[in-house]
Amino acid sequence: QVRLVESGGGLVQTGGSLRLSCAASGSIFSINRMGWYRQAPGKQRELVATIPDSGRSDYANSVKDRFTISRDSAKNTVYLQMNSLKPEDTAVYYCRADIKPHYLPYSSETYWGQGTQVTVSS
């Protein structure tokens, strides 16, 4: 069974930094795209950043100059370095990964983590 587990969320002051991690585990054949999404209270879930197995990363305009997404393929882990945090960054951050499981290696499935809370105080 494939699982995504996020960590690194918490409470930080405006201008501070946090580093989120998301580790995929289980019967994984391969991982293609990984990414981070967030959902603030009363709002829809939105893209923050994505990173493919090979190629250019994408960022939401609101975080482009402040956040950096990276991955460690050997650890099946994706990271989100968040700098210069603002109160509007407050949200639950969700990890997403497109994964080919060992039991179905010819078809990708989308997996979501349970989310980690990021709160930025003013």
N, C-alpha and C. Protein backbone atom coordinates (compact mmCIF):
# COMPACT_ATOMS: atom_id res chain seq x y z
N GLN A 1 0.83 -1.19 0.00
CA GLN A 1 0.00 0.00 0.00
C GLN A 1 0.87 1.25 0.00
N VAL A 2 0.60 2.17 -0.90
CA VAL A 2 1.37 3.39 -1.04
C VAL A 2 0.84 4.46 -0.10
N ARG A 3 1.75 5.13 0.56
CA ARG A 3 1.39 6.22 1.45
C ARG A 3 2.29 7.42 1.21
N LEU A 4 1.74 8.61 1.39
CA LEU A 4 2.49 9.85 1.39
C LEU A 4 2.34 10.49 2.77
N VAL A 5 3.45 10.80 3.39
CA VAL A 5 3.43 11.38 4.73
C VAL A 5 4.17 12.71 4.72
N GLU A 6 3.45 13.78 5.03
CA GLU A 6 4.04 15.11 5.09
C GLU A 6 4.55 15.42 6.49
N SER A 7 5.54 16.27 6.56
CA SER A 7 6.06 16.74 7.84
C SER A 7 6.68 18.12 7.64
N GLY A 8 6.90 18.82 8.74
CA GLY A 8 7.59 20.10 8.69
C GLY A 8 6.71 21.31 8.88
N GLY A 9 5.40 21.13 8.92
CA GLY A 9 4.52 22.25 9.14
C GLY A 9 4.60 22.75 10.57
N GLY A 10 4.02 23.91 10.79
CA GLY A 10 4.03 24.48 12.11
C GLY A 10 3.66 25.95 12.10
N LEU A 11 3.96 26.61 13.19
CA LEU A 11 3.68 28.03 13.36
C LEU A 11 4.96 28.82 13.20
N VAL A 12 4.90 29.85 12.37
CA VAL A 12 6.07 30.68 12.13
C VAL A 12 5.63 32.13 11.99
N GLN A 13 6.52 33.04 12.32
CA GLN A 13 6.23 34.46 12.19
C GLN A 13 6.40 34.92 10.75
N THR A 14 5.75 36.02 10.43
CA THR A 14 5.92 36.63 9.12
C THR A 14 7.40 36.86 8.82
N GLY A 15 7.82 36.46 7.63
CA GLY A 15 9.21 36.59 7.24
C GLY A 15 10.06 35.38 7.57
N GLY A 16 9.51 34.43 8.30
CA GLY A 16 10.25 33.24 8.67
C GLY A 16 10.25 32.20 7.57
N SER A 17 10.83 31.05 7.89
CA SER A 17 10.98 29.97 6.92
C SER A 17 10.54 28.65 7.50
N LEU A 18 10.08 27.78 6.62
CA LEU A 18 9.76 26.40 6.95
C LEU A 18 10.18 25.52 5.80
N ARG A 19 10.51 24.29 6.11
CA ARG A 19 10.84 23.31 5.09
C ARG A 19 9.92 22.10 5.25
N LEU A 20 9.07 21.89 4.27
CA LEU A 20 8.16 20.76 4.28
C LEU A 20 8.79 19.57 3.58
N SER A 21 8.50 18.39 4.10
CA SER A 21 8.96 17.16 3.49
C SER A 21 7.77 16.24 3.25
N CYS A 22 7.85 15.46 2.20
CA CYS A 22 6.84 14.45 1.91
C CYS A 22 7.53 13.20 1.43
N ALA A 23 7.39 12.14 2.19
CA ALA A 23 8.02 10.87 1.87
C ALA A 23 6.98 9.86 1.40
N ALA A 24 7.23 9.28 0.25
CA ALA A 24 6.38 8.22 -0.28
C ALA A 24 6.95 6.87 0.12
N SER A 25 6.09 5.97 0.53
CA SER A 25 6.54 4.64 0.92
C SER A 25 5.52 3.61 0.47
N GLY A 26 5.95 2.36 0.47
CA GLY A 26 5.08 1.27 0.08
C GLY A 26 5.57 0.57 -1.16
N SER A 27 4.66 -0.08 -1.85
CA SER A 27 5.00 -0.88 -3.03
C SER A 27 5.07 0.01 -4.26
N ILE A 28 6.14 0.77 -4.36
CA ILE A 28 6.32 1.76 -5.41
C ILE A 28 7.22 1.22 -6.50
N PHE A 29 6.73 1.27 -7.73
CA PHE A 29 7.55 0.92 -8.88
C PHE A 29 8.34 2.14 -9.36
N SER A 30 7.66 3.25 -9.50
CA SER A 30 8.31 4.49 -9.91
C SER A 30 7.41 5.66 -9.55
N ILE A 31 8.02 6.84 -9.48
CA ILE A 31 7.30 8.08 -9.21
C ILE A 31 7.60 9.07 -10.31
N ASN A 32 6.55 9.62 -10.90
CA ASN A 32 6.73 10.64 -11.92
C ASN A 32 6.66 12.02 -11.26
N ARG A 33 5.60 12.74 -11.50
CA ARG A 33 5.49 14.10 -10.96
C ARG A 33 5.13 14.09 -9.49
N MET A 34 5.73 15.00 -8.74
CA MET A 34 5.38 15.23 -7.35
C MET A 34 5.10 16.71 -7.17
N GLY A 35 4.31 17.03 -6.18
CA GLY A 35 3.99 18.43 -6.00
C GLY A 35 3.36 18.74 -4.66
N TRP A 36 3.17 20.03 -4.46
CA TRP A 36 2.55 20.54 -3.26
C TRP A 36 1.34 21.39 -3.62
N TYR A 37 0.26 21.20 -2.89
CA TYR A 37 -0.95 21.99 -3.01
C TYR A 37 -1.31 22.51 -1.62
N ARG A 38 -2.14 23.52 -1.57
CA ARG A 38 -2.55 24.03 -0.28
C ARG A 38 -4.02 24.45 -0.32
N GLN A 39 -4.62 24.43 0.85
CA GLN A 39 -6.01 24.82 0.98
C GLN A 39 -6.18 25.65 2.25
N ALA A 40 -6.58 26.89 2.06
CA ALA A 40 -6.85 27.79 3.16
C ALA A 40 -8.32 27.65 3.57
N PRO A 41 -8.65 28.03 4.80
CA PRO A 41 -10.05 27.93 5.24
C PRO A 41 -11.00 28.68 4.32
N GLY A 42 -12.06 28.01 3.90
CA GLY A 42 -13.06 28.62 3.04
C GLY A 42 -12.66 28.77 1.59
N LYS A 43 -11.52 28.22 1.20
CA LYS A 43 -11.05 28.35 -0.17
C LYS A 43 -10.79 26.97 -0.78
N GLN A 44 -10.72 26.94 -2.10
CA GLN A 44 -10.43 25.69 -2.80
C GLN A 44 -8.95 25.37 -2.75
N ARG A 45 -8.65 24.09 -2.90
CA ARG A 45 -7.26 23.68 -2.96
C ARG A 45 -6.60 24.24 -4.22
N GLU A 46 -5.37 24.72 -4.07
CA GLU A 46 -4.67 25.33 -5.18
C GLU A 46 -3.25 24.79 -5.30
N LEU A 47 -2.75 24.85 -6.51
CA LEU A 47 -1.37 24.43 -6.78
C LEU A 47 -0.39 25.39 -6.14
N VAL A 48 0.64 24.84 -5.51
CA VAL A 48 1.75 25.63 -5.01
C VAL A 48 2.97 25.44 -5.90
N ALA A 49 3.39 24.20 -6.09
CA ALA A 49 4.54 23.89 -6.92
C ALA A 49 4.53 22.43 -7.30
N THR A 50 5.06 22.12 -8.47
CA THR A 50 5.21 20.75 -8.91
C THR A 50 6.60 20.55 -9.50
N ILE A 51 7.07 19.32 -9.43
CA ILE A 51 8.37 18.98 -9.98
C ILE A 51 8.28 17.62 -10.67
N PRO A 52 8.65 17.53 -11.93
CA PRO A 52 8.60 16.26 -12.64
C PRO A 52 9.83 15.42 -12.34
N ASP A 53 9.84 14.19 -12.87
CA ASP A 53 11.04 13.37 -12.70
C ASP A 53 12.21 13.95 -13.47
N SER A 54 11.91 14.64 -14.55
CA SER A 54 12.93 15.32 -15.33
C SER A 54 12.29 16.50 -16.04
N GLY A 55 12.82 17.67 -15.80
CA GLY A 55 12.29 18.86 -16.45
C GLY A 55 12.15 20.03 -15.51
N ARG A 56 11.38 21.00 -15.95
CA ARG A 56 11.24 22.26 -15.25
C ARG A 56 10.14 22.21 -14.20
N SER A 57 10.41 22.78 -13.05
CA SER A 57 9.42 22.89 -12.00
C SER A 57 8.47 24.05 -12.28
N ASP A 58 7.26 23.95 -11.77
CA ASP A 58 6.27 25.00 -11.91
C ASP A 58 5.87 25.52 -10.54
N TYR A 59 5.59 26.82 -10.48
CA TYR A 59 5.21 27.47 -9.24
C TYR A 59 4.00 28.36 -9.46
N ALA A 60 3.18 28.46 -8.44
CA ALA A 60 2.16 29.49 -8.44
C ALA A 60 2.84 30.86 -8.39
N ASN A 61 2.23 31.83 -9.05
CA ASN A 61 2.83 33.16 -9.10
C ASN A 61 3.03 33.76 -7.71
N SER A 62 2.15 33.43 -6.80
CA SER A 62 2.21 34.01 -5.47
C SER A 62 3.39 33.52 -4.64
N VAL A 63 4.03 32.42 -5.06
CA VAL A 63 5.13 31.87 -4.28
C VAL A 63 6.42 31.76 -5.08
N LYS A 64 6.42 32.15 -6.33
CA LYS A 64 7.50 31.87 -7.26
C LYS A 64 8.87 32.35 -6.79
N ASP A 65 8.93 33.51 -6.19
CA ASP A 65 10.20 34.09 -5.77
C ASP A 65 10.56 33.77 -4.32
N ARG A 66 9.73 32.98 -3.66
CA ARG A 66 9.94 32.71 -2.24
C ARG A 66 10.08 31.23 -1.91
N PHE A 67 9.45 30.37 -2.68
CA PHE A 67 9.45 28.93 -2.41
C PHE A 67 10.31 28.20 -3.42
N THR A 68 10.88 27.08 -2.99
CA THR A 68 11.67 26.23 -3.87
C THR A 68 11.28 24.78 -3.65
N ILE A 69 10.92 24.10 -4.72
CA ILE A 69 10.59 22.69 -4.64
C ILE A 69 11.79 21.87 -5.10
N SER A 70 12.02 20.75 -4.45
CA SER A 70 13.11 19.86 -4.82
C SER A 70 12.71 18.44 -4.46
N ARG A 71 13.49 17.49 -4.92
CA ARG A 71 13.19 16.10 -4.62
C ARG A 71 14.46 15.28 -4.50
N ASP A 72 14.37 14.21 -3.74
CA ASP A 72 15.43 13.24 -3.59
C ASP A 72 14.85 11.91 -4.06
N SER A 73 15.19 11.53 -5.27
CA SER A 73 14.60 10.34 -5.87
C SER A 73 14.96 9.07 -5.10
N ALA A 74 16.17 9.03 -4.56
CA ALA A 74 16.60 7.85 -3.82
C ALA A 74 15.77 7.63 -2.57
N LYS A 75 15.22 8.70 -2.01
CA LYS A 75 14.41 8.62 -0.81
C LYS A 75 12.92 8.73 -1.09
N ASN A 76 12.54 8.85 -2.36
CA ASN A 76 11.14 9.04 -2.74
C ASN A 76 10.52 10.20 -1.97
N THR A 77 11.26 11.28 -1.88
CA THR A 77 10.86 12.40 -1.05
C THR A 77 10.88 13.70 -1.85
N VAL A 78 9.88 14.53 -1.62
CA VAL A 78 9.82 15.86 -2.20
C VAL A 78 9.82 16.88 -1.07
N TYR A 79 10.47 18.02 -1.31
CA TYR A 79 10.60 19.06 -0.30
C TYR A 79 10.03 20.37 -0.83
N LEU A 80 9.65 21.20 0.10
CA LEU A 80 9.24 22.56 -0.24
C LEU A 80 9.89 23.51 0.76
N GLN A 81 10.90 24.23 0.30
CA GLN A 81 11.54 25.25 1.12
C GLN A 81 10.75 26.54 0.98
N MET A 82 10.23 27.04 2.08
CA MET A 82 9.38 28.22 2.07
C MET A 82 10.09 29.33 2.85
N ASN A 83 10.42 30.39 2.16
CA ASN A 83 11.07 31.54 2.76
C ASN A 83 10.17 32.76 2.67
N SER A 84 10.49 33.76 3.47
CA SER A 84 9.74 35.02 3.48
C SER A 84 8.24 34.77 3.58
N LEU A 85 7.86 33.96 4.52
CA LEU A 85 6.46 33.57 4.66
C LEU A 85 5.58 34.74 5.04
N LYS A 86 4.36 34.71 4.51
CA LYS A 86 3.37 35.74 4.74
C LYS A 86 2.12 35.11 5.35
N PRO A 87 1.31 35.91 6.04
CA PRO A 87 0.07 35.36 6.60
C PRO A 87 -0.82 34.70 5.56
N GLU A 88 -0.82 35.19 4.33
CA GLU A 88 -1.64 34.59 3.29
C GLU A 88 -1.15 33.21 2.85
N ASP A 89 0.02 32.79 3.32
CA ASP A 89 0.50 31.44 3.07
C ASP A 89 -0.11 30.43 4.03
N THR A 90 -0.83 30.90 5.02
CA THR A 90 -1.45 30.01 5.99
C THR A 90 -2.45 29.08 5.31
N ALA A 91 -2.26 27.79 5.48
CA ALA A 91 -3.10 26.79 4.83
C ALA A 91 -2.66 25.41 5.27
N VAL A 92 -3.46 24.42 4.92
CA VAL A 92 -3.03 23.04 5.01
C VAL A 92 -2.33 22.69 3.71
N TYR A 93 -1.12 22.21 3.80
CA TYR A 93 -0.33 21.87 2.62
C TYR A 93 -0.38 20.37 2.38
N TYR A 94 -0.73 19.99 1.16
CA TYR A 94 -0.88 18.60 0.78
C TYR A 94 0.16 18.19 -0.23
N CYS A 95 0.71 17.02 -0.03
CA CYS A 95 1.64 16.43 -0.98
C CYS A 95 0.86 15.59 -2.00
N ARG A 96 1.27 15.67 -3.24
CA ARG A 96 0.68 14.85 -4.30
C ARG A 96 1.78 14.18 -5.10
N ALA A 97 1.54 12.94 -5.49
CA ALA A 97 2.50 12.21 -6.30
C ALA A 97 1.79 11.31 -7.29
N ASP A 98 2.32 11.28 -8.50
CA ASP A 98 1.84 10.35 -9.53
C ASP A 98 2.76 9.14 -9.50
N ILE A 99 2.21 8.01 -9.11
CA ILE A 99 3.00 6.83 -8.78
C ILE A 99 2.52 5.61 -9.55
N LYS A 100 3.47 4.83 -10.03
CA LYS A 100 3.18 3.50 -10.55
C LYS A 100 3.46 2.49 -9.45
N PRO A 101 2.43 1.87 -8.90
CA PRO A 101 2.66 0.87 -7.85
C PRO A 101 3.16 -0.44 -8.44
N HIS A 102 3.79 -1.24 -7.60
CA HIS A 102 4.31 -2.52 -8.06
C HIS A 102 3.20 -3.45 -8.54
N TYR A 103 2.03 -3.35 -7.93
CA TYR A 103 0.95 -4.24 -8.32
C TYR A 103 0.28 -3.84 -9.62
N LEU A 104 0.56 -2.63 -10.10
CA LEU A 104 0.02 -2.15 -11.37
C LEU A 104 1.04 -1.22 -12.01
N PRO A 105 2.17 -1.76 -12.45
CA PRO A 105 3.30 -0.92 -12.88
C PRO A 105 3.12 -0.22 -14.22
N TYR A 106 2.06 -0.51 -14.94
CA TYR A 106 1.84 0.11 -16.25
C TYR A 106 0.84 1.24 -16.22
N SER A 107 0.38 1.59 -15.05
CA SER A 107 -0.61 2.65 -14.92
C SER A 107 -0.31 3.52 -13.71
N SER A 108 -0.22 4.82 -13.93
CA SER A 108 0.02 5.75 -12.84
C SER A 108 -1.26 6.03 -12.07
N GLU A 109 -1.11 6.20 -10.78
CA GLU A 109 -2.20 6.59 -9.91
C GLU A 109 -1.78 7.82 -9.11
N THR A 110 -2.74 8.66 -8.82
CA THR A 110 -2.47 9.86 -8.04
C THR A 110 -2.71 9.59 -6.57
N TYR A 111 -1.73 9.94 -5.75
CA TYR A 111 -1.82 9.76 -4.31
C TYR A 111 -1.69 11.11 -3.62
N TRP A 112 -2.40 11.23 -2.53
CA TRP A 112 -2.39 12.44 -1.72
C TRP A 112 -2.00 12.11 -0.28
N GLY A 113 -1.24 13.01 0.32
CA GLY A 113 -0.99 12.91 1.73
C GLY A 113 -2.15 13.47 2.53
N GLN A 114 -2.05 13.37 3.84
CA GLN A 114 -3.12 13.84 4.71
C GLN A 114 -3.02 15.33 5.02
N GLY A 115 -1.92 15.95 4.69
CA GLY A 115 -1.76 17.38 4.87
C GLY A 115 -1.00 17.74 6.14
N THR A 116 -0.35 18.88 6.09
CA THR A 116 0.35 19.43 7.24
C THR A 116 0.02 20.91 7.35
N GLN A 117 -0.29 21.36 8.54
CA GLN A 117 -0.74 22.72 8.76
C GLN A 117 0.44 23.69 8.80
N VAL A 118 0.33 24.76 8.04
CA VAL A 118 1.28 25.86 8.08
C VAL A 118 0.53 27.11 8.50
N THR A 119 0.96 27.72 9.58
CA THR A 119 0.33 28.93 10.08
C THR A 119 1.38 30.02 10.20
N VAL A 120 1.13 31.15 9.56
CA VAL A 120 2.05 32.28 9.58
C VAL A 120 1.38 33.42 10.33
N SER A 121 1.96 33.80 11.43
CA SER A 121 1.39 34.86 12.26
C SER A 121 1.92 36.22 11.82
N SER A 122 1.07 37.24 11.94
CA SER A 122 1.45 38.58 11.55
C SER A 122 2.15 39.31 12.68
